[in-house]
Amino acid sequence: QVQLVESGGGLVQPGGSLRLSCVASGTIFSRCDMAWYRQAPGKQRELVAGITAGGRTNYADSVKGRFLISRDNAKTTVYLKMNSLKPDDTDVYYCKLLSGLTGNSYWGQGTQVTVSS
C-alpha cells in the first residue's frame, strides 16, 4: 500500500521560508515521478513543481525562482523549499506520486501553508 506523509507546513510571514517534506512508502521510490500541488478552497488543485525519477524538474510560472523541488531517494522523500513567500502562496499543499511501475497516482493528506503578517 502506497502511503505519502507530508509535513512542514505552518504559518509564516511574507518574505519568509518553509520547507515541506513528503515521505513515501510502499513502492520503489526511485522509479516514481513526484510533484507538489496546491489547492485553495473552491479552486482547482494546481501543479506547483514536479521532479521526475531521473531528476528533471518543472515549476509553475508563479513560483519559478522562489521554490525548489528536490528528492532524496535514500530517504524516499521529496522536498519543496519555498522562499520569498507571498500571501498568494497560502494554500493546502499536496504531495503526489506517479508510480513508474503501475502508472497509478497517489496523494498525500495535504499540509496547510499560511502566509500572513
N, C-alpha and C. Protein backbone atom coordinates (compact mmCIF):
# COMPACT_ATOMS: atom_id res chain seq x y z
N GLN A 1 0.84 -1.18 0.00
CA GLN A 1 0.00 0.00 0.00
C GLN A 1 0.89 1.25 0.00
N VAL A 2 0.71 2.08 -1.02
CA VAL A 2 1.50 3.30 -1.10
C VAL A 2 0.95 4.32 -0.11
N GLN A 3 1.85 4.93 0.63
CA GLN A 3 1.47 5.99 1.57
C GLN A 3 2.39 7.18 1.39
N LEU A 4 1.82 8.35 1.51
CA LEU A 4 2.57 9.61 1.44
C LEU A 4 2.24 10.42 2.69
N VAL A 5 3.26 10.86 3.39
CA VAL A 5 3.05 11.64 4.60
C VAL A 5 3.79 12.95 4.47
N GLU A 6 3.01 14.03 4.45
CA GLU A 6 3.59 15.37 4.30
C GLU A 6 3.80 16.01 5.66
N SER A 7 4.74 16.93 5.71
CA SER A 7 4.98 17.71 6.91
C SER A 7 5.67 19.01 6.52
N GLY A 8 5.73 19.94 7.47
CA GLY A 8 6.48 21.16 7.25
C GLY A 8 5.66 22.40 7.01
N GLY A 9 4.35 22.25 6.90
CA GLY A 9 3.51 23.43 6.71
C GLY A 9 3.41 24.25 7.98
N GLY A 10 2.79 25.41 7.86
CA GLY A 10 2.62 26.26 9.02
C GLY A 10 2.32 27.69 8.63
N LEU A 11 2.46 28.56 9.62
CA LEU A 11 2.23 29.99 9.44
C LEU A 11 3.58 30.69 9.31
N VAL A 12 3.71 31.52 8.29
CA VAL A 12 4.95 32.24 8.06
C VAL A 12 4.62 33.64 7.58
N GLN A 13 5.49 34.58 7.89
CA GLN A 13 5.28 35.96 7.44
C GLN A 13 5.67 36.12 5.98
N PRO A 14 5.10 37.09 5.31
CA PRO A 14 5.51 37.36 3.92
C PRO A 14 7.02 37.59 3.85
N GLY A 15 7.62 36.99 2.82
CA GLY A 15 9.07 37.05 2.67
C GLY A 15 9.80 35.93 3.34
N GLY A 16 9.10 35.15 4.14
CA GLY A 16 9.72 34.05 4.86
C GLY A 16 9.86 32.79 4.03
N SER A 17 10.35 31.75 4.69
CA SER A 17 10.61 30.47 4.01
C SER A 17 10.03 29.31 4.80
N LEU A 18 9.72 28.26 4.07
CA LEU A 18 9.30 26.99 4.66
C LEU A 18 9.87 25.87 3.80
N ARG A 19 10.05 24.70 4.40
CA ARG A 19 10.40 23.52 3.64
C ARG A 19 9.39 22.42 3.93
N LEU A 20 8.73 21.99 2.89
CA LEU A 20 7.80 20.87 3.00
C LEU A 20 8.52 19.57 2.70
N SER A 21 8.10 18.51 3.38
CA SER A 21 8.65 17.18 3.15
C SER A 21 7.51 16.21 2.89
N CYS A 22 7.79 15.22 2.08
CA CYS A 22 6.81 14.17 1.80
C CYS A 22 7.56 12.85 1.77
N VAL A 23 7.25 12.00 2.75
CA VAL A 23 7.89 10.69 2.84
C VAL A 23 6.98 9.64 2.22
N ALA A 24 7.52 8.88 1.29
CA ALA A 24 6.75 7.85 0.60
C ALA A 24 7.14 6.46 1.09
N SER A 25 6.18 5.57 1.08
CA SER A 25 6.43 4.17 1.43
C SER A 25 5.54 3.29 0.59
N GLY A 26 5.93 2.02 0.48
CA GLY A 26 5.09 1.04 -0.21
C GLY A 26 5.34 0.93 -1.70
N THR A 27 6.41 1.53 -2.18
CA THR A 27 6.72 1.45 -3.61
C THR A 27 8.21 1.67 -3.81
N ILE A 28 8.65 1.50 -5.04
CA ILE A 28 10.06 1.75 -5.35
C ILE A 28 10.18 3.23 -5.68
N PHE A 29 10.54 4.01 -4.69
CA PHE A 29 10.51 5.46 -4.80
C PHE A 29 11.36 5.97 -5.95
N SER A 30 12.50 5.36 -6.16
CA SER A 30 13.43 5.86 -7.17
C SER A 30 12.88 5.78 -8.59
N ARG A 31 11.83 5.01 -8.77
CA ARG A 31 11.21 4.86 -10.09
C ARG A 31 9.96 5.71 -10.25
N CYS A 32 9.70 6.55 -9.27
CA CYS A 32 8.47 7.34 -9.28
C CYS A 32 8.75 8.80 -9.60
N ASP A 33 7.84 9.41 -10.36
CA ASP A 33 7.84 10.84 -10.52
C ASP A 33 7.07 11.44 -9.34
N MET A 34 7.55 12.57 -8.85
CA MET A 34 6.93 13.20 -7.69
C MET A 34 6.55 14.63 -8.02
N ALA A 35 5.56 15.14 -7.31
CA ALA A 35 5.15 16.52 -7.56
C ALA A 35 4.48 17.09 -6.32
N TRP A 36 4.48 18.41 -6.27
CA TRP A 36 3.72 19.16 -5.28
C TRP A 36 2.64 19.95 -6.00
N TYR A 37 1.44 19.86 -5.43
CA TYR A 37 0.30 20.63 -5.90
C TYR A 37 -0.20 21.49 -4.75
N ARG A 38 -1.04 22.45 -5.08
CA ARG A 38 -1.69 23.23 -4.04
C ARG A 38 -3.12 23.53 -4.45
N GLN A 39 -3.93 23.77 -3.43
CA GLN A 39 -5.35 23.98 -3.67
C GLN A 39 -5.92 24.92 -2.64
N ALA A 40 -6.62 25.94 -3.12
CA ALA A 40 -7.34 26.85 -2.24
C ALA A 40 -8.81 26.43 -2.23
N PRO A 41 -9.54 26.79 -1.19
CA PRO A 41 -10.97 26.43 -1.12
C PRO A 41 -11.73 26.92 -2.35
N GLY A 42 -12.48 26.03 -2.97
CA GLY A 42 -13.28 26.39 -4.12
C GLY A 42 -12.54 26.49 -5.42
N LYS A 43 -11.25 26.16 -5.41
CA LYS A 43 -10.45 26.25 -6.63
C LYS A 43 -9.91 24.88 -6.99
N GLN A 44 -9.47 24.77 -8.25
CA GLN A 44 -8.88 23.51 -8.70
C GLN A 44 -7.48 23.36 -8.13
N ARG A 45 -7.09 22.12 -7.93
CA ARG A 45 -5.73 21.83 -7.50
C ARG A 45 -4.79 22.15 -8.66
N GLU A 46 -3.70 22.83 -8.36
CA GLU A 46 -2.77 23.23 -9.41
C GLU A 46 -1.36 22.73 -9.12
N LEU A 47 -0.64 22.44 -10.20
CA LEU A 47 0.73 21.97 -10.07
C LEU A 47 1.63 23.11 -9.62
N VAL A 48 2.44 22.84 -8.62
CA VAL A 48 3.44 23.81 -8.16
C VAL A 48 4.81 23.47 -8.73
N ALA A 49 5.21 22.21 -8.55
CA ALA A 49 6.53 21.78 -9.03
C ALA A 49 6.54 20.26 -9.15
N GLY A 50 7.33 19.77 -10.09
CA GLY A 50 7.46 18.33 -10.27
C GLY A 50 8.90 17.94 -10.46
N ILE A 51 9.20 16.68 -10.13
CA ILE A 51 10.54 16.14 -10.34
C ILE A 51 10.39 14.71 -10.79
N THR A 52 11.04 14.38 -11.91
CA THR A 52 10.92 13.03 -12.45
C THR A 52 11.85 12.08 -11.70
N ALA A 53 11.69 10.79 -12.00
CA ALA A 53 12.58 9.80 -11.41
C ALA A 53 14.03 10.08 -11.80
N GLY A 54 14.22 10.66 -12.96
CA GLY A 54 15.55 10.98 -13.43
C GLY A 54 16.08 12.30 -12.94
N GLY A 55 15.25 13.05 -12.21
CA GLY A 55 15.71 14.30 -11.62
C GLY A 55 15.37 15.56 -12.39
N ARG A 56 14.63 15.43 -13.47
CA ARG A 56 14.22 16.65 -14.21
C ARG A 56 13.14 17.36 -13.42
N THR A 57 13.21 18.68 -13.40
CA THR A 57 12.25 19.46 -12.63
C THR A 57 11.47 20.41 -13.52
N ASN A 58 10.28 20.76 -13.06
CA ASN A 58 9.50 21.80 -13.71
C ASN A 58 8.72 22.55 -12.64
N TYR A 59 8.40 23.82 -12.94
CA TYR A 59 7.76 24.69 -11.97
C TYR A 59 6.63 25.49 -12.61
N ALA A 60 5.65 25.81 -11.80
CA ALA A 60 4.64 26.78 -12.22
C ALA A 60 5.32 28.14 -12.36
N ASP A 61 4.86 28.93 -13.30
CA ASP A 61 5.46 30.25 -13.51
C ASP A 61 5.41 31.09 -12.24
N SER A 62 4.37 30.92 -11.45
CA SER A 62 4.18 31.75 -10.27
C SER A 62 5.21 31.49 -9.17
N VAL A 63 5.91 30.36 -9.25
CA VAL A 63 6.87 30.03 -8.19
C VAL A 63 8.31 29.93 -8.69
N LYS A 64 8.51 30.08 -10.00
CA LYS A 64 9.86 29.98 -10.55
C LYS A 64 10.79 31.00 -9.89
N GLY A 65 11.97 30.52 -9.51
CA GLY A 65 12.94 31.40 -8.87
C GLY A 65 12.74 31.54 -7.37
N ARG A 66 11.61 31.06 -6.85
CA ARG A 66 11.35 31.15 -5.41
C ARG A 66 11.30 29.78 -4.74
N PHE A 67 10.77 28.79 -5.46
CA PHE A 67 10.61 27.44 -4.90
C PHE A 67 11.62 26.49 -5.54
N LEU A 68 12.01 25.49 -4.76
CA LEU A 68 12.95 24.48 -5.25
C LEU A 68 12.46 23.10 -4.82
N ILE A 69 12.25 22.22 -5.81
CA ILE A 69 11.86 20.86 -5.52
C ILE A 69 13.10 19.96 -5.61
N SER A 70 13.20 19.02 -4.69
CA SER A 70 14.33 18.10 -4.69
C SER A 70 13.87 16.76 -4.12
N ARG A 71 14.70 15.75 -4.29
CA ARG A 71 14.34 14.43 -3.78
C ARG A 71 15.58 13.74 -3.22
N ASP A 72 15.33 12.88 -2.25
CA ASP A 72 16.38 12.05 -1.66
C ASP A 72 15.88 10.62 -1.74
N ASN A 73 16.37 9.89 -2.72
CA ASN A 73 15.87 8.52 -2.92
C ASN A 73 16.21 7.60 -1.75
N ALA A 74 17.32 7.84 -1.10
CA ALA A 74 17.70 7.00 0.04
C ALA A 74 16.71 7.17 1.20
N LYS A 75 16.14 8.36 1.30
CA LYS A 75 15.16 8.63 2.36
C LYS A 75 13.73 8.55 1.85
N THR A 76 13.55 8.19 0.60
CA THR A 76 12.23 8.13 -0.06
C THR A 76 11.42 9.39 0.22
N THR A 77 12.07 10.52 0.07
CA THR A 77 11.46 11.80 0.45
C THR A 77 11.62 12.82 -0.68
N VAL A 78 10.57 13.58 -0.89
CA VAL A 78 10.63 14.72 -1.79
C VAL A 78 10.40 15.98 -0.97
N TYR A 79 11.12 17.03 -1.33
CA TYR A 79 11.07 18.29 -0.59
C TYR A 79 10.59 19.42 -1.49
N LEU A 80 10.03 20.42 -0.85
CA LEU A 80 9.72 21.66 -1.54
C LEU A 80 10.20 22.80 -0.65
N LYS A 81 11.29 23.43 -1.06
CA LYS A 81 11.79 24.59 -0.33
C LYS A 81 11.14 25.82 -0.93
N MET A 82 10.46 26.56 -0.09
CA MET A 82 9.70 27.73 -0.52
C MET A 82 10.31 28.98 0.09
N ASN A 83 10.79 29.86 -0.75
CA ASN A 83 11.40 31.11 -0.31
C ASN A 83 10.56 32.30 -0.78
N SER A 84 10.82 33.44 -0.19
CA SER A 84 10.14 34.68 -0.57
C SER A 84 8.63 34.47 -0.66
N LEU A 85 8.09 33.87 0.36
CA LEU A 85 6.67 33.52 0.34
C LEU A 85 5.79 34.76 0.33
N LYS A 86 4.67 34.62 -0.38
CA LYS A 86 3.70 35.70 -0.53
C LYS A 86 2.35 35.24 0.02
N PRO A 87 1.49 36.17 0.38
CA PRO A 87 0.14 35.76 0.83
C PRO A 87 -0.58 34.89 -0.20
N ASP A 88 -0.33 35.13 -1.50
CA ASP A 88 -0.96 34.31 -2.54
C ASP A 88 -0.51 32.86 -2.51
N ASP A 89 0.56 32.57 -1.81
CA ASP A 89 1.02 31.18 -1.69
C ASP A 89 0.25 30.41 -0.63
N THR A 90 -0.64 31.07 0.07
CA THR A 90 -1.45 30.42 1.10
C THR A 90 -2.38 29.40 0.45
N ASP A 91 -2.23 28.14 0.84
CA ASP A 91 -3.00 27.03 0.27
C ASP A 91 -2.74 25.78 1.09
N VAL A 92 -3.48 24.75 0.76
CA VAL A 92 -3.12 23.42 1.23
C VAL A 92 -2.23 22.79 0.15
N TYR A 93 -1.08 22.30 0.57
CA TYR A 93 -0.12 21.72 -0.36
C TYR A 93 -0.17 20.20 -0.27
N TYR A 94 -0.23 19.57 -1.45
CA TYR A 94 -0.35 18.12 -1.54
C TYR A 94 0.84 17.53 -2.29
N CYS A 95 1.28 16.40 -1.82
CA CYS A 95 2.32 15.63 -2.48
C CYS A 95 1.65 14.58 -3.37
N LYS A 96 2.19 14.40 -4.56
CA LYS A 96 1.65 13.40 -5.49
C LYS A 96 2.77 12.49 -5.97
N LEU A 97 2.47 11.20 -6.01
CA LEU A 97 3.40 10.20 -6.53
C LEU A 97 2.81 9.54 -7.74
N LEU A 98 3.59 9.44 -8.80
CA LEU A 98 3.19 8.70 -10.00
C LEU A 98 4.11 7.50 -10.11
N SER A 99 3.52 6.33 -9.92
CA SER A 99 4.33 5.11 -9.90
C SER A 99 4.88 4.79 -11.28
N GLY A 100 6.19 4.55 -11.33
CA GLY A 100 6.80 4.14 -12.58
C GLY A 100 6.54 2.68 -12.90
N LEU A 101 6.02 1.95 -11.92
CA LEU A 101 5.76 0.52 -12.11
C LEU A 101 4.34 0.27 -12.61
N THR A 102 3.38 0.96 -12.01
CA THR A 102 1.97 0.70 -12.33
C THR A 102 1.29 1.81 -13.11
N GLY A 103 1.87 3.02 -13.07
CA GLY A 103 1.22 4.17 -13.69
C GLY A 103 0.13 4.78 -12.81
N ASN A 104 -0.05 4.24 -11.62
CA ASN A 104 -1.08 4.79 -10.72
C ASN A 104 -0.54 6.03 -10.00
N SER A 105 -1.48 6.89 -9.62
CA SER A 105 -1.14 8.09 -8.87
C SER A 105 -1.68 8.00 -7.45
N TYR A 106 -0.94 8.60 -6.54
CA TYR A 106 -1.31 8.61 -5.14
C TYR A 106 -1.10 10.02 -4.59
N TRP A 107 -1.93 10.37 -3.59
CA TRP A 107 -1.86 11.70 -2.99
C TRP A 107 -1.63 11.59 -1.49
N GLY A 108 -0.94 12.60 -0.97
CA GLY A 108 -0.83 12.73 0.47
C GLY A 108 -2.07 13.42 1.03
N GLN A 109 -2.07 13.61 2.33
CA GLN A 109 -3.24 14.17 3.00
C GLN A 109 -3.28 15.69 2.96
N GLY A 110 -2.16 16.30 2.59
CA GLY A 110 -2.10 17.76 2.50
C GLY A 110 -1.55 18.39 3.76
N THR A 111 -0.89 19.53 3.56
CA THR A 111 -0.36 20.30 4.68
C THR A 111 -0.65 21.78 4.41
N GLN A 112 -1.14 22.45 5.42
CA GLN A 112 -1.57 23.85 5.26
C GLN A 112 -0.37 24.78 5.34
N VAL A 113 -0.29 25.68 4.37
CA VAL A 113 0.69 26.75 4.39
C VAL A 113 -0.07 28.07 4.41
N THR A 114 0.21 28.89 5.40
CA THR A 114 -0.43 30.19 5.53
C THR A 114 0.63 31.28 5.60
N VAL A 115 0.54 32.21 4.67
CA VAL A 115 1.50 33.33 4.62
C VAL A 115 0.74 34.59 5.01
N SER A 116 1.07 35.11 6.17
CA SER A 116 0.33 36.25 6.69
C SER A 116 1.16 36.98 7.74
N SER A 117 0.95 38.28 7.79
CA SER A 117 1.64 39.07 8.82
C SER A 117 0.73 39.22 10.05
